[in-house]
Amino acid sequence: MHQENKYDWGEGVFTLLSWFRKEKVKNARVLVAGAGALGNEVVKDLALFGVGHIVVVDFDRIELSNLTRSVLFREDDAYAHRYKAEVVARRAMEINPQIKVTPIIGNLFSDVGLGVYREVDVVIGCLDSRIARYQLNRMAFRAGKSWVDGSIENLKGVVRVFTPGINCYECGLTREEFNHIMVRTGCADVVRVQTAHGRVATTPVSASIVGAVEVQEAMKVIHRDTYEEGHSPFKTLEGKMWVYNGMNCTVTIYNTSAWKNNCPSHEVWEPVISDGEMSADMTVGKALERIKEVCGVCNVEINMMNNRFVETIISERPEKEFKVMVAESKLDEVIESDKKMRDLSKITLFRKIFHENISEDFPFKDLTLREIGIPYFDVLKVSTEKGEFYVELGGDRHLYE
């Protein structure tokens, strides 16, 4: 619980800035994807600015190697193997007790409902792979939101801002980069346990500089509708790439307005029907019936394009069958936890028997939506005889208020 406030955060400090709107920032909501070195700096700066509600997403635990460049982590956190998101949230609220920081331990694509993306003003990416950026780009654009991307390596850093209608991360990928992502994310019938990402050599200086610029750009997005068109005091990095090179103390800005009309990342999920009775804790059977009522239809099929439900995996040589009953995003974890599957994964491939669409024919309707891989406060893409609908699990909204 927050103690009673005896002062108004930022009063007489930020209010002296000509462009700063205190109530705008106090009521702002920001999603931060990644709680490593960049995420530490970004959340710290958002807390200092007094951004009212921050949601921070990360599935990883703290290691000793993180301490050299992560201002919110402590040695005890590493020895206790605490989750990065939880520690970042707690320490940020120690910095500023007047804000709320909600941690989500999980994957930004499969464990964060689209409703969370829809509720925020801006998304900030503090990620270390092309795959994660590709996924974040799709989620942010489905919700119609701008997102700020930052990356660091050695004494170098890059910041970009992607906004629907202006520029798109996926559109800017080279053919080689795109094919690499498709191989890693798009294989429908084989799986091998993914290798861990290697560490990137960087410094606390790079993290603090790039994280600060990311927050600077996010503040511009938060204030975007404060000014009439053509009268904003800001110049943003929308459609541009800001490149910092600490080795020779240079900053260069390039134009990177990549936007292809046929890109699948541009799909906006709207209009959305938000139903306060629907929750990820509902069984599949009850959810199907409720969707029929809400949409006024007779036939419903939920598309599991984000996270297919894997019923069984079968090893190729030797041929062995394992009933896993798990969301695809959790499959590596399940394989690693079972010695037989783990050993086989090192010498052969597994074929998946999965469900990509959930309808009345689904044989496990007593499972909850969460158990089949749908996160809290998600938006379901539903096919019916009357066309497609987007239904939000509005009953989960309270978890992120």
Protein backbone atom coordinates (compact mmCIF):
# COMPACT_ATOMS: atom_id res chain seq x y z
CA MET A 1 0.00 0.00 0.00
CA HIS A 2 1.16 3.52 -0.76
CA GLN A 3 1.57 5.85 2.18
CA GLU A 4 -0.46 9.05 2.22
CA ASN A 5 1.19 11.59 -0.05
CA LYS A 6 2.46 14.68 1.76
CA TYR A 7 3.63 16.36 -1.42
CA ASP A 8 2.82 16.38 -5.13
CA TRP A 9 5.59 14.64 -7.12
CA GLY A 10 7.31 16.99 -9.55
CA GLU A 11 5.47 20.13 -8.45
CA GLY A 12 7.74 23.14 -8.78
CA VAL A 13 10.26 21.10 -10.77
CA PHE A 14 8.77 19.58 -13.93
CA THR A 15 5.95 22.15 -13.90
CA LEU A 16 8.57 24.77 -14.75
CA LEU A 17 9.03 23.08 -18.13
CA SER A 18 7.03 24.83 -20.84
CA TRP A 19 5.97 21.59 -22.52
CA PHE A 20 5.27 19.42 -19.45
CA ARG A 21 1.66 18.70 -18.47
CA LYS A 22 1.61 17.22 -14.98
CA GLU A 23 -1.87 15.67 -15.11
CA LYS A 24 -1.15 14.20 -18.51
CA VAL A 25 1.92 12.41 -17.18
CA LYS A 26 0.29 11.44 -13.87
CA ASN A 27 -2.54 9.72 -15.77
CA ALA A 28 -0.27 8.15 -18.41
CA ARG A 29 0.19 4.40 -18.80
CA VAL A 30 3.35 2.94 -20.34
CA LEU A 31 4.23 -0.66 -21.20
CA VAL A 32 7.95 -1.49 -20.93
CA ALA A 33 9.00 -4.70 -22.68
CA GLY A 34 12.23 -5.98 -21.13
CA ALA A 35 13.67 -5.38 -17.66
CA GLY A 36 17.39 -5.72 -18.30
CA ALA A 37 19.92 -2.88 -18.50
CA LEU A 38 17.77 -0.72 -20.78
CA GLY A 39 14.56 -1.62 -18.94
CA ASN A 40 16.15 -0.56 -15.64
CA GLU A 41 17.03 2.86 -17.02
CA VAL A 42 13.69 3.34 -18.76
CA VAL A 43 11.57 2.41 -15.75
CA LYS A 44 13.76 4.50 -13.43
CA ASP A 45 13.32 7.58 -15.64
CA LEU A 46 9.57 7.02 -16.05
CA ALA A 47 9.29 6.80 -12.26
CA LEU A 48 11.26 10.02 -11.81
CA PHE A 49 8.97 11.77 -14.31
CA GLY A 50 5.96 10.56 -12.31
CA VAL A 51 4.29 8.44 -15.01
CA GLY A 52 1.22 7.13 -13.19
CA HIS A 53 1.15 3.47 -14.20
CA ILE A 54 3.96 1.40 -15.69
CA VAL A 55 3.59 -2.23 -16.78
CA VAL A 56 6.94 -4.02 -17.07
CA VAL A 57 7.27 -7.38 -18.84
CA ASP A 58 10.15 -9.86 -18.61
CA PHE A 59 10.41 -13.64 -18.14
CA ASP A 60 14.05 -13.74 -17.01
CA ARG A 61 15.74 -13.93 -13.60
CA ILE A 62 18.57 -11.76 -12.30
CA GLU A 63 22.16 -12.98 -12.65
CA LEU A 64 25.37 -11.58 -11.18
CA SER A 65 26.42 -10.41 -14.66
CA ASN A 66 23.41 -8.07 -14.73
CA LEU A 67 24.67 -6.03 -11.77
CA THR A 68 27.30 -4.10 -13.74
CA ARG A 69 24.73 -2.20 -15.80
CA SER A 70 21.35 -2.48 -14.05
CA VAL A 71 20.77 0.31 -11.54
CA LEU A 72 17.74 -1.31 -9.84
CA PHE A 73 19.27 -4.73 -9.14
CA ARG A 74 21.24 -5.76 -6.04
CA GLU A 75 23.61 -8.63 -5.25
CA ASP A 76 20.97 -10.30 -3.07
CA ASP A 77 18.57 -10.32 -6.04
CA ALA A 78 21.05 -12.35 -8.10
CA TYR A 79 21.76 -14.86 -5.33
CA ALA A 80 18.01 -15.27 -4.75
CA HIS A 81 17.37 -15.63 -8.55
CA ARG A 82 14.55 -13.09 -8.36
CA TYR A 83 12.54 -12.19 -11.43
CA LYS A 84 13.71 -9.01 -13.14
CA ALA A 85 10.20 -7.64 -13.65
CA GLU A 86 9.24 -8.01 -9.99
CA VAL A 87 12.42 -6.37 -8.69
CA VAL A 88 12.21 -3.49 -11.18
CA ALA A 89 8.59 -2.87 -10.19
CA ARG A 90 9.34 -2.85 -6.48
CA ARG A 91 12.43 -0.61 -6.73
CA ALA A 92 10.68 1.88 -9.03
CA MET A 93 7.90 2.35 -6.47
CA GLU A 94 10.55 2.90 -3.80
CA ILE A 95 11.91 5.73 -5.95
CA ASN A 96 8.44 7.22 -6.42
CA PRO A 97 5.75 5.91 -4.03
CA GLN A 98 3.09 7.87 -5.91
CA ILE A 99 3.13 5.65 -9.00
CA LYS A 100 2.06 2.08 -9.68
CA VAL A 101 4.27 -0.45 -11.44
CA THR A 102 2.75 -3.79 -12.44
CA PRO A 103 5.13 -6.65 -13.28
CA ILE A 104 4.23 -9.39 -15.75
CA ILE A 105 6.53 -12.41 -15.67
CA GLY A 106 6.27 -13.85 -19.13
CA ASN A 107 6.61 -13.39 -22.87
CA LEU A 108 5.40 -10.09 -24.37
CA PHE A 109 3.69 -11.96 -27.24
CA SER A 110 1.99 -14.87 -25.50
CA ASP A 111 1.65 -13.79 -21.85
CA VAL A 112 0.51 -10.18 -22.24
CA GLY A 113 -3.09 -9.71 -23.35
CA LEU A 114 -3.77 -7.31 -26.20
CA GLY A 115 -6.06 -5.43 -23.81
CA VAL A 116 -2.95 -4.32 -21.91
CA TYR A 117 -1.44 -2.89 -25.11
CA ARG A 118 -4.73 -1.14 -25.91
CA GLU A 119 -4.84 0.56 -22.49
CA VAL A 120 -1.39 2.17 -22.59
CA ASP A 121 -0.34 5.45 -24.18
CA VAL A 122 2.95 4.15 -25.56
CA VAL A 123 5.07 0.99 -25.59
CA ILE A 124 8.83 1.04 -24.97
CA GLY A 125 10.95 -1.87 -26.20
CA CYS A 126 14.12 -2.76 -24.26
CA LEU A 127 14.79 -6.00 -26.10
CA ASP A 128 17.79 -8.00 -27.23
CA SER A 129 16.59 -9.91 -30.32
CA ARG A 130 14.98 -9.34 -33.70
CA ILE A 131 12.33 -11.95 -32.93
CA ALA A 132 11.16 -10.09 -29.83
CA ARG A 133 11.05 -6.79 -31.75
CA TYR A 134 9.09 -8.43 -34.57
CA GLN A 135 6.56 -9.74 -32.04
CA LEU A 136 6.31 -6.45 -30.16
CA ASN A 137 5.77 -4.58 -33.43
CA ARG A 138 2.81 -6.83 -34.29
CA MET A 139 1.21 -6.49 -30.85
CA ALA A 140 1.63 -2.72 -30.67
CA PHE A 141 0.25 -2.22 -34.18
CA ARG A 142 -2.73 -4.50 -33.54
CA ALA A 143 -3.57 -2.12 -30.70
CA GLY A 144 -2.87 0.94 -32.85
CA LYS A 145 -0.01 2.13 -30.62
CA SER A 146 3.38 3.73 -31.24
CA TRP A 147 6.38 1.96 -29.81
CA VAL A 148 9.90 3.10 -29.04
CA ASP A 149 12.77 0.69 -29.78
CA GLY A 150 16.18 0.87 -28.15
CA SER A 151 19.26 -1.30 -28.54
CA ILE A 152 22.79 -1.15 -27.11
CA GLU A 153 26.12 -2.83 -27.76
CA ASN A 154 29.55 -1.84 -26.49
CA LEU A 155 29.62 2.00 -26.61
CA LYS A 156 26.96 2.20 -29.29
CA GLY A 157 23.20 2.55 -29.21
CA VAL A 158 20.18 3.00 -31.48
CA VAL A 159 16.71 4.45 -30.84
CA ARG A 160 13.75 4.33 -33.25
CA VAL A 161 10.06 5.17 -32.95
CA PHE A 162 7.55 3.08 -34.92
CA THR A 163 4.09 4.54 -35.51
CA PRO A 164 1.24 3.05 -37.57
CA GLY A 165 1.02 4.73 -40.94
CA ILE A 166 4.57 6.12 -40.76
CA ASN A 167 7.05 3.29 -40.31
CA CYS A 168 7.09 -0.37 -39.35
CA TYR A 169 9.80 -2.61 -37.91
CA GLU A 170 8.79 -5.60 -40.04
CA CYS A 171 8.77 -3.53 -43.23
CA GLY A 172 12.37 -2.49 -42.55
CA LEU A 173 13.73 -6.03 -42.20
CA THR A 174 16.03 -7.37 -44.87
CA ARG A 175 15.01 -10.61 -46.60
CA GLU A 176 17.71 -12.47 -44.66
CA GLU A 177 16.55 -11.07 -41.30
CA PHE A 178 12.90 -11.86 -42.08
CA ASN A 179 13.67 -15.43 -43.18
CA HIS A 180 15.65 -16.00 -39.97
CA ILE A 181 12.67 -14.89 -37.88
CA MET A 182 10.28 -17.07 -39.85
CA VAL A 183 12.48 -20.13 -39.30
CA ARG A 184 12.54 -19.47 -35.55
CA THR A 185 8.84 -18.67 -35.12
CA GLY A 186 6.90 -20.16 -38.01
CA CYS A 187 7.66 -23.89 -38.05
CA ALA A 188 4.35 -25.67 -37.52
CA ASP A 189 5.32 -29.29 -37.08
CA VAL A 190 8.82 -29.55 -35.58
CA VAL A 191 10.43 -28.24 -32.43
CA ARG A 192 13.84 -28.26 -30.80
CA VAL A 193 14.62 -26.64 -27.49
CA GLN A 194 15.79 -23.07 -28.17
CA THR A 195 19.30 -22.08 -27.16
CA ALA A 196 19.75 -19.25 -24.70
CA HIS A 197 20.69 -15.82 -26.05
CA GLY A 198 24.36 -14.95 -25.72
CA ARG A 199 25.31 -11.95 -23.61
CA VAL A 200 25.89 -8.65 -25.41
CA ALA A 201 28.94 -6.64 -24.41
CA THR A 202 27.78 -3.22 -23.28
CA THR A 203 28.28 -0.60 -20.59
CA PRO A 204 26.11 1.22 -18.01
CA VAL A 205 26.86 4.43 -19.91
CA SER A 206 25.33 3.12 -23.14
CA ALA A 207 22.28 1.83 -21.26
CA SER A 208 21.69 5.14 -19.48
CA ILE A 209 22.08 7.24 -22.64
CA VAL A 210 19.86 5.08 -24.86
CA GLY A 211 17.28 4.50 -22.10
CA ALA A 212 17.04 8.25 -21.51
CA VAL A 213 16.44 8.95 -25.20
CA GLU A 214 13.75 6.24 -25.28
CA VAL A 215 11.93 7.88 -22.37
CA GLN A 216 12.34 11.28 -23.98
CA GLU A 217 10.58 9.99 -27.10
CA ALA A 218 7.88 8.28 -25.03
CA MET A 219 7.15 11.57 -23.25
CA LYS A 220 6.62 13.19 -26.65
CA VAL A 221 4.09 10.51 -27.56
CA ILE A 222 2.31 10.98 -24.21
CA HIS A 223 2.00 14.71 -24.91
CA ARG A 224 1.13 14.24 -28.59
CA ASP A 225 -2.57 15.20 -28.41
CA THR A 226 -1.83 18.15 -26.10
CA TYR A 227 -1.03 20.37 -29.06
CA GLU A 228 -2.91 21.19 -32.23
CA GLU A 229 -1.54 19.71 -35.42
CA GLY A 230 1.43 21.73 -36.63
CA HIS A 231 1.93 23.48 -33.28
CA SER A 232 3.85 20.84 -31.31
CA PRO A 233 7.19 22.03 -29.89
CA PHE A 234 8.64 18.54 -30.43
CA LYS A 235 10.50 16.87 -33.22
CA THR A 236 10.21 13.12 -32.83
CA LEU A 237 12.12 10.09 -34.09
CA GLU A 238 9.06 8.73 -35.90
CA GLY A 239 10.37 7.43 -39.22
CA LYS A 240 13.96 8.01 -38.13
CA MET A 241 16.86 6.14 -36.54
CA TRP A 242 19.00 7.84 -33.88
CA VAL A 243 22.48 6.32 -33.74
CA TYR A 244 24.92 7.04 -30.92
CA ASN A 245 28.59 6.08 -31.15
CA GLY A 246 30.43 6.63 -27.90
CA MET A 247 33.73 5.54 -29.40
CA ASN A 248 34.03 8.81 -31.32
CA CYS A 249 31.30 10.87 -29.58
CA THR A 250 28.95 11.18 -32.56
CA VAL A 251 25.19 11.16 -32.93
CA THR A 252 23.66 10.64 -36.37
CA ILE A 253 19.99 10.57 -37.40
CA TYR A 254 18.87 8.63 -40.48
CA ASN A 255 15.49 8.53 -42.22
CA THR A 256 14.01 5.00 -42.09
CA SER A 257 10.36 5.35 -43.09
CA ALA A 258 9.77 1.78 -44.23
CA TRP A 259 6.04 1.15 -44.90
CA LYS A 260 4.78 -1.55 -47.28
CA ASN A 261 1.07 -1.69 -47.97
CA ASN A 262 0.81 -5.49 -47.85
CA CYS A 263 2.65 -6.01 -44.54
CA PRO A 264 0.73 -8.31 -42.13
CA SER A 265 1.98 -6.27 -39.14
CA HIS A 266 -0.34 -3.43 -40.15
CA GLU A 267 -3.47 -5.36 -39.18
CA VAL A 268 -5.40 -3.37 -36.55
CA TRP A 269 -7.77 -5.41 -34.42
CA GLU A 270 -10.87 -3.24 -34.30
CA PRO A 271 -13.61 -2.65 -33.47
CA VAL A 272 -13.21 -4.50 -30.17
CA ILE A 273 -16.16 -5.77 -28.14
CA SER A 274 -15.18 -5.61 -24.46
CA ASP A 275 -17.20 -8.00 -22.33
CA GLY A 276 -16.97 -7.58 -18.55
CA GLU A 277 -18.11 -11.16 -17.93
CA MET A 278 -15.32 -12.78 -19.92
CA SER A 279 -12.06 -13.77 -18.27
CA ALA A 280 -9.10 -15.99 -19.06
CA ASP A 281 -10.18 -18.05 -16.04
CA MET A 282 -13.35 -19.18 -17.89
CA THR A 283 -13.45 -22.67 -19.33
CA VAL A 284 -13.23 -22.97 -23.09
CA GLY A 285 -16.78 -24.33 -23.21
CA LYS A 286 -18.25 -21.39 -21.30
CA ALA A 287 -16.20 -18.91 -23.32
CA LEU A 288 -17.52 -20.29 -26.61
CA GLU A 289 -21.11 -19.98 -25.37
CA ARG A 290 -20.54 -16.45 -24.08
CA ILE A 291 -18.99 -15.33 -27.38
CA LYS A 292 -22.06 -16.61 -29.21
CA GLU A 293 -24.25 -14.44 -26.97
CA VAL A 294 -22.06 -11.35 -27.23
CA CYS A 295 -21.68 -11.53 -31.02
CA GLY A 296 -25.17 -12.87 -31.78
CA VAL A 297 -23.86 -15.85 -33.75
CA CYS A 298 -24.30 -19.64 -33.82
CA ASN A 299 -20.81 -20.82 -34.77
CA VAL A 300 -17.58 -19.67 -33.11
CA GLU A 301 -13.94 -20.44 -33.78
CA ILE A 302 -11.20 -18.81 -31.68
CA ASN A 303 -7.96 -18.27 -33.58
CA MET A 304 -4.90 -19.27 -31.53
CA MET A 305 -2.43 -17.63 -33.90
CA ASN A 306 -0.36 -16.19 -31.04
CA ASN A 307 0.03 -19.35 -29.04
CA ARG A 308 -1.24 -22.69 -30.34
CA PHE A 309 -2.31 -25.40 -27.92
CA VAL A 310 -0.01 -28.42 -28.22
CA GLU A 311 -1.70 -31.71 -27.32
CA THR A 312 1.11 -34.15 -28.17
CA ILE A 313 4.69 -34.18 -29.42
CA ILE A 314 6.26 -37.14 -31.23
CA SER A 315 10.01 -37.70 -31.54
CA GLU A 316 11.25 -38.81 -34.96
CA ARG A 317 14.04 -41.28 -34.10
CA PRO A 318 13.20 -43.22 -32.04
CA GLU A 319 9.49 -42.61 -32.45
CA LYS A 320 8.02 -41.83 -29.05
CA GLU A 321 4.84 -40.00 -28.18
CA PHE A 322 4.46 -37.56 -25.27
CA LYS A 323 1.14 -36.01 -24.24
CA VAL A 324 2.08 -32.49 -23.12
CA MET A 325 -1.23 -30.52 -23.10
CA VAL A 326 0.44 -27.12 -23.00
CA ALA A 327 0.50 -23.79 -24.78
CA GLU A 328 3.21 -23.63 -27.45
CA SER A 329 5.04 -20.85 -25.61
CA LYS A 330 5.56 -23.19 -22.65
CA LEU A 331 6.70 -26.19 -24.67
CA ASP A 332 10.46 -25.64 -24.28
CA GLU A 333 9.97 -25.38 -20.54
CA VAL A 334 8.03 -28.66 -20.45
CA ILE A 335 10.66 -30.46 -22.52
CA GLU A 336 13.47 -29.17 -20.30
CA SER A 337 11.68 -30.33 -17.14
CA ASP A 338 11.34 -33.94 -18.34
CA LYS A 339 14.58 -35.97 -18.63
CA LYS A 340 13.35 -38.30 -21.40
CA MET A 341 12.13 -35.45 -23.57
CA ARG A 342 15.15 -33.31 -22.79
CA ASP A 343 17.59 -36.05 -23.81
CA LEU A 344 15.68 -36.79 -27.00
CA SER A 345 15.54 -33.10 -27.94
CA LYS A 346 19.34 -33.11 -28.25
CA ILE A 347 19.42 -35.82 -30.92
CA THR A 348 16.15 -35.57 -32.85
CA LEU A 349 13.20 -33.36 -33.74
CA PHE A 350 9.68 -33.45 -32.32
CA ARG A 351 6.54 -33.20 -34.42
CA LYS A 352 3.65 -31.33 -32.81
CA ILE A 353 0.01 -32.30 -32.73
CA PHE A 354 -1.60 -28.95 -32.00
CA HIS A 355 -4.86 -26.98 -32.15
CA GLU A 356 -4.66 -23.64 -33.95
CA ASN A 357 -8.40 -22.97 -33.93
CA ILE A 358 -10.71 -23.65 -30.98
CA SER A 359 -14.35 -24.49 -31.73
CA GLU A 360 -17.09 -26.83 -30.49
CA ASP A 361 -15.01 -29.74 -31.79
CA PHE A 362 -12.20 -28.97 -29.34
CA PRO A 363 -11.92 -32.08 -27.11
CA PHE A 364 -10.74 -30.30 -23.95
CA LYS A 365 -13.46 -27.72 -23.31
CA ASP A 366 -13.12 -28.08 -19.52
CA LEU A 367 -9.70 -26.43 -19.66
CA THR A 368 -9.60 -22.70 -18.97
CA LEU A 369 -8.55 -20.15 -21.56
CA ARG A 370 -5.39 -19.60 -19.50
CA GLU A 371 -4.58 -23.29 -19.61
CA ILE A 372 -4.72 -23.39 -23.39
CA GLY A 373 -2.47 -20.33 -23.73
CA ILE A 374 -4.69 -17.23 -23.69
CA PRO A 375 -3.42 -14.56 -21.26
CA TYR A 376 -5.47 -12.34 -18.97
CA PHE A 377 -7.12 -9.30 -20.58
CA ASP A 378 -6.51 -10.60 -24.08
CA VAL A 379 -8.50 -9.86 -27.23
CA LEU A 380 -9.78 -12.98 -28.98
CA LYS A 381 -9.89 -13.05 -32.77
CA VAL A 382 -13.09 -14.96 -33.52
CA SER A 383 -14.38 -16.33 -36.83
CA THR A 384 -18.16 -16.77 -37.17
CA GLU A 385 -20.81 -17.15 -39.86
CA LYS A 386 -21.17 -13.34 -39.71
CA GLY A 387 -17.48 -12.65 -40.20
CA GLU A 388 -14.63 -11.85 -37.80
CA PHE A 389 -15.06 -10.33 -34.36
CA TYR A 390 -12.58 -9.12 -31.77
CA VAL A 391 -13.71 -9.86 -28.21
CA GLU A 392 -11.82 -8.50 -25.20
CA LEU A 393 -11.70 -10.37 -21.90
CA GLY A 394 -12.98 -7.32 -20.05
CA GLY A 395 -13.42 -9.21 -16.79
CA ASP A 396 -9.63 -9.16 -16.40
CA ARG A 397 -9.29 -5.38 -16.69
CA HIS A 398 -9.09 -4.93 -12.91
CA LEU A 399 -5.76 -6.80 -12.86
CA TYR A 400 -4.08 -3.88 -14.66
CA GLU A 401 -5.92 -0.85 -13.24
